Amino acid sequence: MNQSQLPYLDIGFWFPRPERGAKLAQELRAQGHQVTIYHSLPIPGDQTWVRQVRYGRLSGLLTILKLKHDVFYTSHSFTPVLQLLLNKWIRRKPYIYTLNGVIWSYYQERNAPIPLVRAKNAFYGALLQAVVGGAGAVVANSEFLANQLKARLPRHATKISTIYNGIDYETIDQAVAAPTAWDGGEPRLLSVLTLNFEGKTRGALLLLDAFEEIARRYPKASYVIAAKSASPKWLALIESHRQNLDCIDQIKIEVNRTDVSSLLAAASLFMYATSANSSDSLPRALLEAQAAGVPIVTTDTTGCAEVVADGETGKVVPEDFRAMAAAAIALLDDRDKAVHQSAAGAIAVRERFNWAAMGIAYSEAFVHITDRSPLLP
């Protein structure tokens, strides 16, 4: 069925990620669907179809039971998707459940005594089984995550698929370079990381060790880690590690900067690392760096290799600081190769990760589950 033949639906977005939910809703409306977003947080863009609702277990359920949409969507765990599951049981309304991270690693990384961690993992595992089983379709934002879900939940493998997110290319393309963010000289290296749990923080420690190796080859190099974090614990660990490096004066840790696109516009090289068992799925920071045309070195963990094609649009290396440093030095030494790879990456990322393609894929998924759901009359 081509896009022009798809029937129009009335879709309810139940606590999506605010920015991505707004973009997806915009694309679906452009195709003729009616989309209403329900959330307790501010939603960017057109407010015509935004409804502010309370985030609560009972109050949210009572609200959703009164809504008359054809189909629902959420990318939020676990209260909203459980409410959609109950709504399906009670009112026979199908839903799509989207995951943007490795949810079991996320809960495992929460700070708690080991017996409590095990209990939580068992509890959340049961919840995941239930909400995936009840969903008309389950969408992962990476092939890596989709395959992980299929391996854990083989009974539901046929309903699990991958739909890539888009990113804001306009902001990246219009960015004004901010080289003053680096205190030292060139080359200017950059990492953009979320430091909220151990798995991602181990990636940051690897990158710091890699930069120490790079600084021996490039003694005037400078490095900025732009860290999104609300965790004093992990930020303190990173700062403590920095203090023990010989190149301490060449490294700056910037917390919660809002001008990442301006940092990308000034960077000579982008490095990203994440632990194999972190909650990362497909790091958005890699998409933005590739879109900005910055040469990239990343680890072969989680979904990183889905963004960066080794030797074509960047370098993908094992989770080892020496391998990271060697690949970074090789690109810094061979600027022609680095420019060629980054230019290819800037084209490739726009072809694969864009809102229009995302909207078409979701439109087909919504139509499919409303047509095929065995619970519908």
Protein backbone atom coordinates (compact mmCIF):
# COMPACT_ATOMS: atom_id res chain seq x y z
CA MET A 1 0.00 0.00 0.00
CA ASN A 2 1.60 3.35 -0.98
CA GLN A 3 1.44 6.40 1.25
CA SER A 4 -1.39 8.10 -0.66
CA GLN A 5 -3.63 5.05 -0.11
CA LEU A 6 -3.19 4.87 3.66
CA PRO A 7 -6.34 5.63 5.67
CA TYR A 8 -6.25 8.60 8.02
CA LEU A 9 -6.21 7.85 11.74
CA ASP A 10 -6.89 9.66 14.98
CA ILE A 11 -3.74 9.02 17.02
CA GLY A 12 -3.08 9.76 20.68
CA PHE A 13 0.55 10.36 21.75
CA TRP A 14 0.66 9.38 25.42
CA PHE A 15 3.73 10.89 27.15
CA PRO A 16 6.18 10.73 24.23
CA ARG A 17 9.63 12.29 24.43
CA PRO A 18 8.67 15.97 24.05
CA GLU A 19 10.90 17.07 21.16
CA ARG A 20 10.79 13.84 19.17
CA GLY A 21 7.09 13.43 19.82
CA ALA A 22 6.41 16.91 18.45
CA LYS A 23 8.47 16.22 15.30
CA LEU A 24 6.83 12.86 14.67
CA ALA A 25 3.36 14.31 15.25
CA GLN A 26 4.13 17.06 12.73
CA GLU A 27 5.12 14.50 10.09
CA LEU A 28 2.05 12.36 10.72
CA ARG A 29 -0.25 15.39 10.50
CA ALA A 30 1.37 16.32 7.18
CA GLN A 31 0.25 12.92 5.91
CA GLY A 32 -3.34 13.62 6.96
CA HIS A 33 -3.51 11.92 10.36
CA GLN A 34 -4.91 13.70 13.40
CA VAL A 35 -2.44 13.56 16.30
CA THR A 36 -2.98 14.81 19.85
CA ILE A 37 -0.09 14.88 22.32
CA TYR A 38 -0.74 14.31 26.02
CA HIS A 39 2.02 15.25 28.45
CA SER A 40 2.76 16.91 31.78
CA LEU A 41 5.85 18.64 30.34
CA PRO A 42 6.03 21.49 27.80
CA ILE A 43 5.94 20.35 24.17
CA PRO A 44 7.77 22.46 21.54
CA GLY A 45 6.04 23.72 18.42
CA ASP A 46 2.34 23.97 17.55
CA GLN A 47 0.21 23.84 20.72
CA THR A 48 -3.10 23.30 18.91
CA TRP A 49 -2.99 19.56 19.48
CA VAL A 50 -1.20 19.51 22.85
CA ARG A 51 -3.07 18.61 26.03
CA GLN A 52 -1.52 19.01 29.48
CA VAL A 53 -2.37 16.07 31.73
CA ARG A 54 -1.16 14.91 35.12
CA TYR A 55 1.53 12.26 35.32
CA GLY A 56 0.06 9.82 37.80
CA ARG A 57 -0.72 6.14 37.91
CA LEU A 58 -4.43 6.40 38.69
CA SER A 59 -5.17 9.90 37.34
CA GLY A 60 -3.42 9.07 34.07
CA LEU A 61 -5.32 5.83 33.67
CA LEU A 62 -8.65 7.54 34.36
CA THR A 63 -7.80 10.14 31.72
CA ILE A 64 -6.77 7.69 29.03
CA LEU A 65 -9.87 5.54 29.53
CA LYS A 66 -11.98 8.52 28.41
CA LEU A 67 -10.04 9.21 25.20
CA LYS A 68 -11.50 8.15 21.87
CA HIS A 69 -8.47 7.85 19.57
CA ASP A 70 -8.12 5.00 17.09
CA VAL A 71 -4.65 4.08 18.26
CA PHE A 72 -2.02 5.22 20.78
CA TYR A 73 1.73 5.68 20.97
CA THR A 74 4.26 6.10 23.76
CA SER A 75 8.02 6.13 24.12
CA HIS A 76 7.93 6.38 27.90
CA SER A 77 8.47 3.57 30.41
CA PHE A 78 6.90 2.21 32.52
CA THR A 79 3.81 3.96 33.90
CA PRO A 80 2.50 5.38 30.55
CA VAL A 81 2.94 2.13 28.64
CA LEU A 82 1.29 0.13 31.43
CA GLN A 83 -1.65 2.53 31.22
CA LEU A 84 -1.83 1.86 27.47
CA LEU A 85 -1.76 -1.87 28.16
CA LEU A 86 -4.68 -1.55 30.60
CA ASN A 87 -6.51 0.66 28.12
CA LYS A 88 -6.12 -2.05 25.49
CA TRP A 89 -7.43 -4.72 27.82
CA ILE A 90 -10.41 -2.59 28.89
CA ARG A 91 -11.26 -0.61 25.74
CA ARG A 92 -9.54 -2.67 23.04
CA LYS A 93 -7.38 0.21 21.78
CA PRO A 94 -4.07 -0.82 20.15
CA TYR A 95 -0.79 0.96 20.81
CA ILE A 96 2.79 1.25 19.57
CA TYR A 97 5.55 1.12 22.16
CA THR A 98 8.90 2.70 21.21
CA LEU A 99 12.17 2.11 23.04
CA ASN A 100 15.12 4.48 22.64
CA GLY A 101 17.50 2.77 25.04
CA VAL A 102 18.44 -0.57 26.56
CA ILE A 103 15.87 -0.47 29.31
CA TRP A 104 17.13 -3.47 31.29
CA SER A 105 20.63 -1.94 31.49
CA TYR A 106 19.09 1.34 32.58
CA TYR A 107 17.36 -0.26 35.56
CA GLN A 108 20.32 -2.49 36.36
CA GLU A 109 22.58 0.56 36.58
CA ARG A 110 20.43 2.25 39.20
CA ASN A 111 22.30 2.48 42.48
CA ALA A 112 20.90 -0.17 44.83
CA PRO A 113 22.12 -3.17 46.88
CA ILE A 114 22.62 -6.30 44.75
CA PRO A 115 19.57 -8.24 46.05
CA LEU A 116 17.37 -5.22 45.34
CA VAL A 117 18.88 -4.86 41.85
CA ARG A 118 18.02 -8.49 41.12
CA ALA A 119 14.51 -8.05 42.41
CA LYS A 120 14.04 -4.91 40.32
CA ASN A 121 15.42 -6.63 37.23
CA ALA A 122 12.98 -9.51 37.63
CA PHE A 123 10.10 -7.08 38.18
CA TYR A 124 10.97 -4.87 35.21
CA GLY A 125 11.60 -7.95 33.08
CA ALA A 126 8.06 -9.10 33.79
CA LEU A 127 6.70 -5.63 33.00
CA LEU A 128 8.63 -5.51 29.73
CA GLN A 129 7.23 -8.91 28.75
CA ALA A 130 3.70 -7.70 29.47
CA VAL A 131 3.83 -4.36 27.65
CA VAL A 132 5.63 -5.80 24.61
CA GLY A 133 3.14 -8.66 24.51
CA GLY A 134 0.22 -6.23 24.57
CA ALA A 135 1.63 -3.81 21.98
CA GLY A 136 0.43 -3.96 18.40
CA ALA A 137 3.98 -3.04 17.35
CA VAL A 138 7.26 -2.45 19.17
CA VAL A 139 9.72 0.00 17.64
CA ALA A 140 13.41 0.20 18.50
CA ASN A 141 15.53 3.18 17.46
CA SER A 142 18.39 0.89 16.36
CA GLU A 143 18.92 -2.53 14.84
CA PHE A 144 21.12 -3.29 17.82
CA LEU A 145 18.27 -2.70 20.25
CA ALA A 146 15.74 -4.51 18.05
CA ASN A 147 17.96 -7.59 17.98
CA GLN A 148 18.45 -7.43 21.75
CA LEU A 149 14.69 -7.30 22.24
CA LYS A 150 14.10 -10.20 19.87
CA ALA A 151 16.67 -12.30 21.71
CA ARG A 152 15.06 -11.56 25.08
CA LEU A 153 11.48 -11.85 23.88
CA PRO A 154 11.52 -14.36 21.00
CA ARG A 155 7.76 -14.96 21.22
CA HIS A 156 7.19 -11.37 20.16
CA ALA A 157 10.01 -11.06 17.61
CA THR A 158 7.66 -10.58 14.64
CA LYS A 159 6.21 -7.36 16.08
CA ILE A 160 9.63 -5.78 16.79
CA SER A 161 11.13 -3.50 14.13
CA THR A 162 13.55 -0.60 13.77
CA ILE A 163 12.60 2.95 12.85
CA TYR A 164 15.40 5.50 13.01
CA ASN A 165 14.82 8.90 14.61
CA GLY A 166 15.53 12.15 12.85
CA ILE A 167 17.60 15.02 14.24
CA ASP A 168 17.54 18.81 13.92
CA TYR A 169 19.77 19.42 10.90
CA GLU A 170 18.79 23.06 10.60
CA THR A 171 20.32 23.96 13.96
CA ILE A 172 23.51 22.08 13.09
CA ASP A 173 23.80 23.69 9.66
CA GLN A 174 23.28 27.20 11.03
CA ALA A 175 25.65 26.86 13.99
CA VAL A 176 28.37 29.43 14.57
CA ALA A 177 31.67 27.83 15.59
CA ALA A 178 32.76 28.35 19.21
CA PRO A 179 36.52 27.63 19.28
CA THR A 180 36.93 29.61 22.51
CA ALA A 181 35.38 26.68 24.37
CA TRP A 182 38.82 25.04 24.10
CA ASP A 183 41.44 26.59 26.35
CA GLY A 184 44.37 25.03 24.50
CA GLY A 185 45.48 24.80 20.92
CA GLU A 186 44.76 22.60 17.94
CA PRO A 187 43.67 20.01 17.04
CA ARG A 188 40.45 20.49 19.00
CA LEU A 189 38.89 17.22 20.13
CA LEU A 190 35.31 16.93 21.35
CA SER A 191 33.08 14.37 23.04
CA VAL A 192 29.40 14.86 23.86
CA LEU A 193 28.25 12.43 26.54
CA THR A 194 25.46 11.77 28.99
CA LEU A 195 26.97 10.89 32.35
CA ASN A 196 24.18 9.44 34.43
CA PHE A 197 25.17 5.81 35.03
CA GLU A 198 28.25 3.64 35.29
CA GLY A 199 28.21 2.19 31.77
CA LYS A 200 28.34 5.56 30.05
CA THR A 201 30.81 6.93 32.59
CA ARG A 202 33.22 4.09 31.80
CA GLY A 203 33.13 5.33 28.23
CA ALA A 204 34.21 8.78 29.40
CA LEU A 205 37.12 7.32 31.40
CA LEU A 206 38.25 5.44 28.28
CA LEU A 207 38.17 8.66 26.27
CA LEU A 208 40.25 10.53 28.84
CA ASP A 209 42.90 7.82 28.72
CA ALA A 210 42.81 7.89 24.93
CA PHE A 211 43.36 11.64 24.89
CA GLU A 212 46.45 11.27 27.08
CA GLU A 213 47.89 9.04 24.34
CA ILE A 214 46.83 11.52 21.64
CA ALA A 215 48.41 14.44 23.53
CA ARG A 216 51.80 12.72 23.38
CA ARG A 217 51.59 12.80 19.57
CA TYR A 218 49.93 16.23 19.49
CA PRO A 219 51.23 18.16 22.51
CA LYS A 220 49.21 21.27 21.63
CA ALA A 221 45.91 19.38 21.31
CA SER A 222 42.97 20.37 23.50
CA TYR A 223 39.93 18.34 24.50
CA VAL A 224 36.42 19.30 25.59
CA ILE A 225 33.97 16.82 27.09
CA ALA A 226 30.48 18.33 26.92
CA ALA A 227 28.66 16.33 29.58
CA LYS A 228 24.93 16.26 30.11
CA SER A 229 24.52 15.21 33.71
CA ALA A 230 22.69 15.84 36.96
CA SER A 231 24.85 13.35 38.86
CA PRO A 232 27.55 14.82 41.13
CA LYS A 233 28.83 11.27 41.71
CA TRP A 234 29.77 10.54 38.11
CA LEU A 235 30.98 14.06 37.39
CA ALA A 236 33.26 13.83 40.44
CA LEU A 237 34.65 10.52 39.18
CA ILE A 238 35.44 12.03 35.79
CA GLU A 239 37.08 15.07 37.36
CA SER A 240 39.14 12.87 39.69
CA HIS A 241 40.37 10.87 36.70
CA ARG A 242 41.25 14.06 34.83
CA GLN A 243 43.29 15.28 37.79
CA ASN A 244 45.53 12.22 37.53
CA LEU A 245 46.43 12.72 33.87
CA ASP A 246 49.61 14.40 32.65
CA CYS A 247 47.57 16.40 30.13
CA ILE A 248 45.15 17.79 32.73
CA ASP A 249 45.56 21.38 31.51
CA GLN A 250 44.53 20.39 27.99
CA ILE A 251 41.18 18.90 29.06
CA LYS A 252 38.03 20.81 29.93
CA ILE A 253 34.79 19.28 31.16
CA GLU A 254 31.76 21.39 30.31
CA VAL A 255 28.52 20.45 32.07
CA ASN A 256 25.08 20.90 30.47
CA ARG A 257 26.10 23.30 27.71
CA THR A 258 23.25 24.19 25.38
CA ASP A 259 25.39 25.08 22.34
CA VAL A 260 26.54 21.62 21.28
CA SER A 261 26.07 22.47 17.59
CA SER A 262 28.51 25.38 17.98
CA LEU A 263 31.05 23.08 19.61
CA LEU A 264 30.68 20.61 16.74
CA ALA A 265 31.24 23.41 14.22
CA ALA A 266 34.64 24.15 15.79
CA ALA A 267 35.86 20.60 16.49
CA SER A 268 38.68 18.88 14.58
CA LEU A 269 37.69 15.38 15.71
CA PHE A 270 34.81 13.79 17.59
CA MET A 271 35.31 10.80 19.90
CA TYR A 272 32.58 8.68 21.43
CA ALA A 273 32.78 5.61 23.64
CA THR A 274 30.21 3.67 25.61
CA SER A 275 30.38 0.42 27.52
CA ALA A 276 29.03 -2.70 25.82
CA ASN A 277 26.49 -3.14 28.63
CA SER A 278 25.46 0.50 28.95
CA SER A 279 21.91 1.73 28.36
CA ASP A 280 22.93 3.32 25.03
CA SER A 281 21.12 2.17 21.93
CA LEU A 282 21.98 4.52 19.07
CA PRO A 283 23.74 7.61 20.46
CA ARG A 284 22.24 10.83 19.19
CA ALA A 285 25.58 12.59 19.74
CA LEU A 286 27.09 10.50 16.94
CA LEU A 287 24.29 11.49 14.55
CA GLU A 288 24.81 15.17 15.31
CA ALA A 289 28.60 14.95 14.95
CA GLN A 290 28.25 13.17 11.62
CA ALA A 291 25.71 15.71 10.40
CA ALA A 292 28.13 18.52 11.34
CA GLY A 293 30.84 16.96 9.17
CA VAL A 294 33.26 16.24 12.01
CA PRO A 295 35.65 13.27 11.62
CA ILE A 296 34.58 10.54 14.07
CA VAL A 297 36.13 7.72 16.07
CA THR A 298 33.78 5.55 18.10
CA THR A 299 33.66 2.19 19.83
CA ASP A 300 32.04 -0.86 18.28
CA THR A 301 29.63 -1.14 21.22
CA THR A 302 25.81 -0.87 21.27
CA GLY A 303 24.48 0.76 18.08
CA CYS A 304 27.47 2.99 17.34
CA ALA A 305 28.49 1.04 14.23
CA GLU A 306 25.01 1.61 12.76
CA VAL A 307 25.85 5.31 12.55
CA VAL A 308 29.52 5.17 11.61
CA ALA A 309 30.62 2.83 8.80
CA ASP A 310 34.20 1.88 9.59
CA GLY A 311 36.62 3.23 7.02
CA GLU A 312 33.86 4.96 5.08
CA THR A 313 32.31 7.59 7.35
CA GLY A 314 34.67 7.34 10.32
CA LYS A 315 36.56 4.82 12.41
CA VAL A 316 34.98 2.12 14.61
CA VAL A 317 37.29 0.51 17.16
CA PRO A 318 37.14 -2.00 20.02
CA GLU A 319 36.33 -0.75 23.52
CA ASP A 320 39.98 0.01 24.30
CA PHE A 321 41.61 3.38 24.90
CA ARG A 322 44.75 2.49 22.91
CA ALA A 323 42.65 1.51 19.90
CA MET A 324 40.68 4.75 20.24
CA ALA A 325 43.87 6.80 20.45
CA ALA A 326 45.51 5.05 17.49
CA ALA A 327 42.47 5.61 15.26
CA ALA A 328 42.20 9.25 16.33
CA ILE A 329 45.90 9.87 15.63
CA ALA A 330 45.58 8.19 12.23
CA LEU A 331 42.76 10.56 11.23
CA LEU A 332 44.56 13.60 12.62
CA ASP A 333 47.69 12.61 10.67
CA ASP A 334 45.77 12.08 7.43
CA ARG A 335 43.51 15.09 7.06
CA ASP A 336 42.52 14.22 3.48
CA LYS A 337 41.13 10.86 4.63
CA ALA A 338 39.42 12.50 7.60
CA VAL A 339 37.74 15.12 5.40
CA HIS A 340 36.65 12.50 2.87
CA GLN A 341 35.10 10.29 5.56
CA SER A 342 33.36 13.15 7.33
CA ALA A 343 31.90 14.48 4.07
CA ALA A 344 30.56 11.03 3.25
CA GLY A 345 29.11 10.77 6.74
CA ALA A 346 27.32 14.11 6.49
CA ILE A 347 25.52 12.86 3.38
CA ALA A 348 24.78 9.37 4.70
CA VAL A 349 23.27 10.51 7.99
CA ARG A 350 20.74 12.75 6.25
CA GLU A 351 19.64 9.92 4.00
CA ARG A 352 19.01 7.45 6.83
CA PHE A 353 18.03 9.55 9.83
CA ASN A 354 15.35 12.07 8.96
CA TRP A 355 11.91 13.01 10.25
CA ALA A 356 10.11 12.47 6.94
CA ALA A 357 11.25 8.84 6.63
CA MET A 358 10.45 8.32 10.30
CA GLY A 359 6.93 9.69 9.80
CA ILE A 360 6.24 7.44 6.80
CA ALA A 361 7.43 4.33 8.65
CA TYR A 362 5.31 5.11 11.71
CA SER A 363 2.28 5.90 9.58
CA GLU A 364 2.49 2.45 8.00
CA ALA A 365 2.95 0.86 11.44
CA PHE A 366 -0.12 2.62 12.88
CA VAL A 367 -2.26 1.59 9.93
CA HIS A 368 -0.99 -1.97 10.13
CA ILE A 369 -1.90 -2.49 13.78
CA THR A 370 -5.32 -0.88 13.47
CA ASP A 371 -6.10 -3.06 10.45
CA ARG A 372 -4.66 -6.26 11.89
CA SER A 373 -5.31 -6.11 15.63
CA PRO A 374 -7.32 -9.23 16.56
CA LEU A 375 -8.99 -7.31 19.39
CA LEU A 376 -10.63 -4.80 17.08
CA PRO A 377 -14.21 -5.51 15.96
